[in-house]
Amino acid sequence: MKCRKLSPVAFCFATVLLASLDLSAQNDPGPRPGPAGAGSFYPTLNGNEQALFNQASQVLQEIDSVSGTIAGEPGSGLGPAFNGNSCTQCHAQPAPGGSSPGLNNPQNAITNPQIALAMLNGATNTIPSFVTPNGPMLEARFVKNANGTPDGGVHDLYTIQGRSDAPGCTLAQPDFATAVAQGNVIFRIPTPIFGLGLVEATSDQALIDNLN
């Protein structure tokens, strides 16, 4: 009995068809509800290590202003450009140290904090078109510099210009409208600093050294 060989065109068509059938069966349920199940210290840490973790967690959740003189914003050092005024403003889901919050997150359903942050305390920033109330929070990178050379660096969304605790600051906000129109901006959602985010931030050698 002779077997017929599929032509290259027929083979490609069959491959694409099977792949599409497989992909159509996938369903992303999104963030799961219930307790976070993450964001705390390893239970094997000793008392001193747990205390260090708790101190670091407090720093992580500190809300900053320019000089620490505004009520409710006791930390200092905000600006001159920034994406948030607290580490956990960006790293909040499903627990402090996680990824971006948003209205669709079951553990931390809040409006994107970058909306209110734009004009907080008198700031004169314009909310970029890609910053939406539902989130996610984003950091923006320009693909190229104005002279055409590669950029790739993070460009903070806002500056402290106009804030009541930043008299005399005239630092202009990046021109995101032009960057968007030119397709010159790309985005990244904040990476968790625990779980796979911690693994990503850990060198291969450190992982090898701690295998046992």
C-alpha atoms as a PDB file:
ATOM      1  CA  MET A   1       0.000   0.000   0.000  1.00  0.00           C
ATOM      2  CA  LYS A   2       1.422   3.353  -1.025  1.00  0.00           C
ATOM      3  CA  CYS A   3       1.343   6.336   1.307  1.00  0.00           C
ATOM      4  CA  ARG A   4       0.797   9.746  -0.172  1.00  0.00           C
ATOM      5  CA  LYS A   5       3.009  12.551   1.004  1.00  0.00           C
ATOM      6  CA  LEU A   6       1.429  15.855   1.924  1.00  0.00           C
ATOM      7  CA  SER A   7       2.541  18.771  -0.166  1.00  0.00           C
ATOM      8  CA  PRO A   8       4.368  21.534   1.759  1.00  0.00           C
ATOM      9  CA  VAL A   9       1.330  23.810   1.388  1.00  0.00           C
ATOM     10  CA  ALA A  10      -1.068  21.175   2.715  1.00  0.00           C
ATOM     11  CA  PHE A  11       1.267  20.356   5.584  1.00  0.00           C
ATOM     12  CA  CYS A  12       1.519  24.021   6.615  1.00  0.00           C
ATOM     13  CA  PHE A  13      -2.256  24.424   6.405  1.00  0.00           C
ATOM     14  CA  ALA A  14      -2.826  21.360   8.584  1.00  0.00           C
ATOM     15  CA  THR A  15      -0.269  22.571  11.130  1.00  0.00           C
ATOM     16  CA  VAL A  16      -1.864  26.018  11.389  1.00  0.00           C
ATOM     17  CA  LEU A  17      -5.339  24.483  11.694  1.00  0.00           C
ATOM     18  CA  LEU A  18      -4.309  22.156  14.509  1.00  0.00           C
ATOM     19  CA  ALA A  19      -2.477  24.956  16.307  1.00  0.00           C
ATOM     20  CA  SER A  20      -5.493  27.249  16.101  1.00  0.00           C
ATOM     21  CA  LEU A  21      -7.758  24.541  17.493  1.00  0.00           C
ATOM     22  CA  ASP A  22      -5.387  24.031  20.406  1.00  0.00           C
ATOM     23  CA  LEU A  23      -5.067  27.750  21.121  1.00  0.00           C
ATOM     24  CA  SER A  24      -8.813  28.310  21.035  1.00  0.00           C
ATOM     25  CA  ALA A  25      -9.188  25.892  23.937  1.00  0.00           C
ATOM     26  CA  GLN A  26      -7.016  28.012  26.247  1.00  0.00           C
ATOM     27  CA  ASN A  27      -8.686  30.187  28.865  1.00  0.00           C
ATOM     28  CA  ASP A  28      -6.896  32.674  31.086  1.00  0.00           C
ATOM     29  CA  PRO A  29      -8.986  33.003  34.265  1.00  0.00           C
ATOM     30  CA  GLY A  30      -7.117  36.130  35.343  1.00  0.00           C
ATOM     31  CA  PRO A  31      -6.040  36.870  38.924  1.00  0.00           C
ATOM     32  CA  ARG A  32      -7.418  34.284  41.309  1.00  0.00           C
ATOM     33  CA  PRO A  33      -9.611  35.348  44.245  1.00  0.00           C
ATOM     34  CA  GLY A  34      -9.024  34.468  47.875  1.00  0.00           C
ATOM     35  CA  PRO A  35      -6.074  35.090  50.192  1.00  0.00           C
ATOM     36  CA  ALA A  36      -2.890  36.341  48.573  1.00  0.00           C
ATOM     37  CA  GLY A  37      -0.799  33.360  49.634  1.00  0.00           C
ATOM     38  CA  ALA A  38       2.353  35.409  49.080  1.00  0.00           C
ATOM     39  CA  GLY A  39       4.276  38.416  50.305  1.00  0.00           C
ATOM     40  CA  SER A  40       5.359  37.226  53.738  1.00  0.00           C
ATOM     41  CA  PHE A  41       8.712  35.934  54.965  1.00  0.00           C
ATOM     42  CA  TYR A  42       9.889  32.342  54.745  1.00  0.00           C
ATOM     43  CA  PRO A  43       8.862  30.457  57.899  1.00  0.00           C
ATOM     44  CA  THR A  44      12.417  29.150  58.316  1.00  0.00           C
ATOM     45  CA  LEU A  45      13.835  32.636  59.023  1.00  0.00           C
ATOM     46  CA  ASN A  46      15.065  33.244  62.545  1.00  0.00           C
ATOM     47  CA  GLY A  47      13.800  36.066  64.757  1.00  0.00           C
ATOM     48  CA  ASN A  48      16.386  38.615  63.632  1.00  0.00           C
ATOM     49  CA  GLU A  49      15.747  37.854  59.975  1.00  0.00           C
ATOM     50  CA  GLN A  50      11.995  38.173  60.456  1.00  0.00           C
ATOM     51  CA  ALA A  51      12.499  41.532  62.178  1.00  0.00           C
ATOM     52  CA  LEU A  52      14.636  42.703  59.253  1.00  0.00           C
ATOM     53  CA  PHE A  53      11.918  41.613  56.838  1.00  0.00           C
ATOM     54  CA  ASN A  54       9.266  43.545  58.772  1.00  0.00           C
ATOM     55  CA  GLN A  55      11.418  46.685  58.847  1.00  0.00           C
ATOM     56  CA  ALA A  56      12.024  46.439  55.109  1.00  0.00           C
ATOM     57  CA  SER A  57       8.297  45.936  54.541  1.00  0.00           C
ATOM     58  CA  GLN A  58       7.566  49.182  56.386  1.00  0.00           C
ATOM     59  CA  VAL A  59      10.044  51.044  54.181  1.00  0.00           C
ATOM     60  CA  LEU A  60       8.460  49.448  51.117  1.00  0.00           C
ATOM     61  CA  GLN A  61       5.051  50.842  52.107  1.00  0.00           C
ATOM     62  CA  GLU A  62       6.279  54.310  53.095  1.00  0.00           C
ATOM     63  CA  ILE A  63       4.628  57.189  51.210  1.00  0.00           C
ATOM     64  CA  ASP A  64       7.106  59.839  50.117  1.00  0.00           C
ATOM     65  CA  SER A  65       6.913  63.546  49.450  1.00  0.00           C
ATOM     66  CA  VAL A  66       9.781  65.790  48.404  1.00  0.00           C
ATOM     67  CA  SER A  67      10.988  66.619  51.905  1.00  0.00           C
ATOM     68  CA  GLY A  68       8.657  64.660  54.195  1.00  0.00           C
ATOM     69  CA  THR A  69       6.728  67.756  55.276  1.00  0.00           C
ATOM     70  CA  ILE A  70       3.282  66.870  53.899  1.00  0.00           C
ATOM     71  CA  ALA A  71       0.745  65.173  56.158  1.00  0.00           C
ATOM     72  CA  GLY A  72       0.247  61.540  55.222  1.00  0.00           C
ATOM     73  CA  GLU A  73       3.448  61.522  53.164  1.00  0.00           C
ATOM     74  CA  PRO A  74       6.144  61.263  55.857  1.00  0.00           C
ATOM     75  CA  GLY A  75       8.904  59.841  53.682  1.00  0.00           C
ATOM     76  CA  SER A  76      11.273  62.173  51.867  1.00  0.00           C
ATOM     77  CA  GLY A  77      13.111  62.038  48.560  1.00  0.00           C
ATOM     78  CA  LEU A  78      10.319  62.075  45.973  1.00  0.00           C
ATOM     79  CA  GLY A  79      11.366  63.301  42.547  1.00  0.00           C
ATOM     80  CA  PRO A  80      12.446  65.137  40.618  1.00  0.00           C
ATOM     81  CA  ALA A  81      10.744  62.579  38.345  1.00  0.00           C
ATOM     82  CA  PHE A  82       8.763  59.549  39.479  1.00  0.00           C
ATOM     83  CA  ASN A  83       6.234  56.836  38.622  1.00  0.00           C
ATOM     84  CA  GLY A  84       4.810  56.531  42.131  1.00  0.00           C
ATOM     85  CA  ASN A  85       5.267  57.973  45.606  1.00  0.00           C
ATOM     86  CA  SER A  86       5.549  54.596  47.314  1.00  0.00           C
ATOM     87  CA  CYS A  87       7.104  51.275  46.351  1.00  0.00           C
ATOM     88  CA  THR A  88       3.828  49.499  47.066  1.00  0.00           C
ATOM     89  CA  GLN A  89       1.902  51.912  44.882  1.00  0.00           C
ATOM     90  CA  CYS A  90       3.240  49.942  41.919  1.00  0.00           C
ATOM     91  CA  HIS A  91       3.946  46.664  43.737  1.00  0.00           C
ATOM     92  CA  ALA A  92       0.639  45.897  45.460  1.00  0.00           C
ATOM     93  CA  GLN A  93      -1.043  42.856  43.903  1.00  0.00           C
ATOM     94  CA  PRO A  94      -1.790  40.394  45.445  1.00  0.00           C
ATOM     95  CA  ALA A  95       0.118  41.729  48.478  1.00  0.00           C
ATOM     96  CA  PRO A  96       2.735  44.427  49.182  1.00  0.00           C
ATOM     97  CA  GLY A  97       5.744  43.612  47.025  1.00  0.00           C
ATOM     98  CA  GLY A  98       3.640  42.169  44.210  1.00  0.00           C
ATOM     99  CA  SER A  99       2.659  43.588  40.839  1.00  0.00           C
ATOM    100  CA  SER A 100       0.295  46.323  39.643  1.00  0.00           C
ATOM    101  CA  PRO A 101      -3.008  47.008  41.411  1.00  0.00           C
ATOM    102  CA  GLY A 102      -6.194  47.709  39.479  1.00  0.00           C
ATOM    103  CA  LEU A 103      -9.963  47.533  39.613  1.00  0.00           C
ATOM    104  CA  ASN A 104      -9.994  43.962  38.293  1.00  0.00           C
ATOM    105  CA  ASN A 105      -7.666  42.578  40.956  1.00  0.00           C
ATOM    106  CA  PRO A 106      -9.618  40.515  43.503  1.00  0.00           C
ATOM    107  CA  GLN A 107      -7.215  41.038  46.417  1.00  0.00           C
ATOM    108  CA  ASN A 108      -6.656  44.778  45.949  1.00  0.00           C
ATOM    109  CA  ALA A 109      -9.382  46.278  43.766  1.00  0.00           C
ATOM    110  CA  ILE A 110      -8.486  49.966  43.576  1.00  0.00           C
ATOM    111  CA  THR A 111      -8.371  52.633  40.895  1.00  0.00           C
ATOM    112  CA  ASN A 112      -4.970  53.044  39.279  1.00  0.00           C
ATOM    113  CA  PRO A 113      -3.128  55.332  41.772  1.00  0.00           C
ATOM    114  CA  GLN A 114      -1.236  57.022  38.928  1.00  0.00           C
ATOM    115  CA  ILE A 115      -4.424  58.933  38.057  1.00  0.00           C
ATOM    116  CA  ALA A 116      -4.616  60.923  41.306  1.00  0.00           C
ATOM    117  CA  LEU A 117      -0.839  61.138  41.542  1.00  0.00           C
ATOM    118  CA  ALA A 118      -0.568  63.324  38.433  1.00  0.00           C
ATOM    119  CA  MET A 119      -1.839  66.465  40.175  1.00  0.00           C
ATOM    120  CA  LEU A 120      -1.323  65.539  43.818  1.00  0.00           C
ATOM    121  CA  ASN A 121      -0.299  68.473  46.030  1.00  0.00           C
ATOM    122  CA  GLY A 122      -0.505  70.949  43.156  1.00  0.00           C
ATOM    123  CA  ALA A 123       1.566  69.035  40.599  1.00  0.00           C
ATOM    124  CA  THR A 124       0.949  70.139  37.004  1.00  0.00           C
ATOM    125  CA  ASN A 125       1.392  66.836  35.180  1.00  0.00           C
ATOM    126  CA  THR A 126      -0.812  65.660  32.328  1.00  0.00           C
ATOM    127  CA  ILE A 127      -2.096  62.094  32.592  1.00  0.00           C
ATOM    128  CA  PRO A 128      -0.687  60.168  29.599  1.00  0.00           C
ATOM    129  CA  SER A 129      -3.218  58.467  27.329  1.00  0.00           C
ATOM    130  CA  PHE A 130      -2.005  55.011  28.320  1.00  0.00           C
ATOM    131  CA  VAL A 131      -2.626  55.570  32.051  1.00  0.00           C
ATOM    132  CA  THR A 132      -6.210  54.437  32.663  1.00  0.00           C
ATOM    133  CA  PRO A 133      -8.338  54.173  35.825  1.00  0.00           C
ATOM    134  CA  ASN A 134      -8.666  50.395  35.514  1.00  0.00           C
ATOM    135  CA  GLY A 135      -4.908  49.943  35.311  1.00  0.00           C
ATOM    136  CA  PRO A 136      -2.539  48.318  35.101  1.00  0.00           C
ATOM    137  CA  MET A 137       0.122  50.685  36.347  1.00  0.00           C
ATOM    138  CA  LEU A 138       2.827  51.058  33.727  1.00  0.00           C
ATOM    139  CA  GLU A 139       6.392  52.193  33.367  1.00  0.00           C
ATOM    140  CA  ALA A 140       7.238  53.706  29.998  1.00  0.00           C
ATOM    141  CA  ARG A 141      10.388  53.312  27.927  1.00  0.00           C
ATOM    142  CA  PHE A 142      11.273  55.235  24.788  1.00  0.00           C
ATOM    143  CA  VAL A 143      12.533  53.076  21.946  1.00  0.00           C
ATOM    144  CA  LYS A 144      14.791  55.759  20.452  1.00  0.00           C
ATOM    145  CA  ASN A 145      16.239  59.106  21.434  1.00  0.00           C
ATOM    146  CA  ALA A 146      15.343  62.255  19.502  1.00  0.00           C
ATOM    147  CA  ASN A 147      18.495  61.825  17.380  1.00  0.00           C
ATOM    148  CA  GLY A 148      17.511  58.292  16.366  1.00  0.00           C
ATOM    149  CA  THR A 149      19.969  56.440  18.583  1.00  0.00           C
ATOM    150  CA  PRO A 150      18.643  53.572  20.727  1.00  0.00           C
ATOM    151  CA  ASP A 151      17.125  54.567  24.065  1.00  0.00           C
ATOM    152  CA  GLY A 152      15.273  51.799  25.915  1.00  0.00           C
ATOM    153  CA  GLY A 153      15.500  53.555  29.278  1.00  0.00           C
ATOM    154  CA  VAL A 154      12.605  54.173  31.652  1.00  0.00           C
ATOM    155  CA  HIS A 155      11.091  57.656  31.394  1.00  0.00           C
ATOM    156  CA  ASP A 156       9.218  58.492  34.586  1.00  0.00           C
ATOM    157  CA  LEU A 157       5.621  59.575  34.055  1.00  0.00           C
ATOM    158  CA  TYR A 158       5.567  62.634  36.281  1.00  0.00           C
ATOM    159  CA  THR A 159       7.716  65.395  37.757  1.00  0.00           C
ATOM    160  CA  ILE A 160       7.401  67.388  40.973  1.00  0.00           C
ATOM    161  CA  GLN A 161       6.888  70.665  39.090  1.00  0.00           C
ATOM    162  CA  GLY A 162       4.079  72.688  40.699  1.00  0.00           C
ATOM    163  CA  ARG A 163       3.933  70.672  43.910  1.00  0.00           C
ATOM    164  CA  SER A 164       3.570  72.690  47.089  1.00  0.00           C
ATOM    165  CA  ASP A 165       6.739  71.103  48.481  1.00  0.00           C
ATOM    166  CA  ALA A 166       8.812  71.756  45.334  1.00  0.00           C
ATOM    167  CA  PRO A 167       8.914  75.540  44.857  1.00  0.00           C
ATOM    168  CA  GLY A 168      11.038  76.603  41.917  1.00  0.00           C
ATOM    169  CA  CYS A 169      11.093  73.208  40.188  1.00  0.00           C
ATOM    170  CA  THR A 170      10.643  73.638  36.433  1.00  0.00           C
ATOM    171  CA  LEU A 171      11.441  70.123  35.217  1.00  0.00           C
ATOM    172  CA  ALA A 172       9.133  69.362  32.292  1.00  0.00           C
ATOM    173  CA  GLN A 173       7.212  66.123  32.002  1.00  0.00           C
ATOM    174  CA  PRO A 174       8.319  63.860  29.111  1.00  0.00           C
ATOM    175  CA  ASP A 175       6.343  64.354  25.884  1.00  0.00           C
ATOM    176  CA  PHE A 176       4.425  61.093  25.945  1.00  0.00           C
ATOM    177  CA  ALA A 177       1.789  62.282  23.452  1.00  0.00           C
ATOM    178  CA  THR A 178       4.409  62.627  20.719  1.00  0.00           C
ATOM    179  CA  ALA A 179       6.067  59.355  21.701  1.00  0.00           C
ATOM    180  CA  VAL A 180       2.736  57.519  21.464  1.00  0.00           C
ATOM    181  CA  ALA A 181       1.913  59.119  18.102  1.00  0.00           C
ATOM    182  CA  GLN A 182       5.313  58.072  16.737  1.00  0.00           C
ATOM    183  CA  GLY A 183       5.130  54.551  18.155  1.00  0.00           C
ATOM    184  CA  ASN A 184       8.225  55.353  20.181  1.00  0.00           C
ATOM    185  CA  VAL A 185       7.079  54.128  23.581  1.00  0.00           C
ATOM    186  CA  ILE A 186       6.825  50.640  25.052  1.00  0.00           C
ATOM    187  CA  PHE A 187       5.539  49.558  28.441  1.00  0.00           C
ATOM    188  CA  ARG A 188       6.186  47.200  31.302  1.00  0.00           C
ATOM    189  CA  ILE A 189       3.936  46.227  34.179  1.00  0.00           C
ATOM    190  CA  PRO A 190       5.792  46.276  37.527  1.00  0.00           C
ATOM    191  CA  THR A 191       7.417  42.940  38.306  1.00  0.00           C
ATOM    192  CA  PRO A 192       6.772  41.344  41.718  1.00  0.00           C
ATOM    193  CA  ILE A 193       9.706  41.342  44.101  1.00  0.00           C
ATOM    194  CA  PHE A 194       8.709  37.928  45.428  1.00  0.00           C
ATOM    195  CA  GLY A 195       7.947  34.644  43.668  1.00  0.00           C
ATOM    196  CA  LEU A 196       9.104  34.564  40.058  1.00  0.00           C
ATOM    197  CA  GLY A 197       9.963  38.255  40.264  1.00  0.00           C
ATOM    198  CA  LEU A 198      12.502  37.443  42.972  1.00  0.00           C
ATOM    199  CA  VAL A 199      13.895  34.606  40.865  1.00  0.00           C
ATOM    200  CA  GLU A 200      14.245  36.971  37.894  1.00  0.00           C
ATOM    201  CA  ALA A 201      16.169  39.467  40.023  1.00  0.00           C
ATOM    202  CA  THR A 202      18.483  36.793  41.445  1.00  0.00           C
ATOM    203  CA  SER A 203      21.666  35.889  39.590  1.00  0.00           C
ATOM    204  CA  ASP A 204      22.146  32.348  38.302  1.00  0.00           C
ATOM    205  CA  GLN A 205      25.221  31.990  40.481  1.00  0.00           C
ATOM    206  CA  ALA A 206      23.274  32.918  43.622  1.00  0.00           C
ATOM    207  CA  LEU A 207      20.685  30.263  42.793  1.00  0.00           C
ATOM    208  CA  ILE A 208      23.425  27.677  42.237  1.00  0.00           C
ATOM    209  CA  ASP A 209      25.155  28.624  45.494  1.00  0.00           C
ATOM    210  CA  ASN A 210      21.917  28.056  47.424  1.00  0.00           C
ATOM    211  CA  LEU A 211      20.787  24.776  45.893  1.00  0.00           C
ATOM    212  CA  ASN A 212      21.262  23.013  49.207  1.00  0.00           C
END
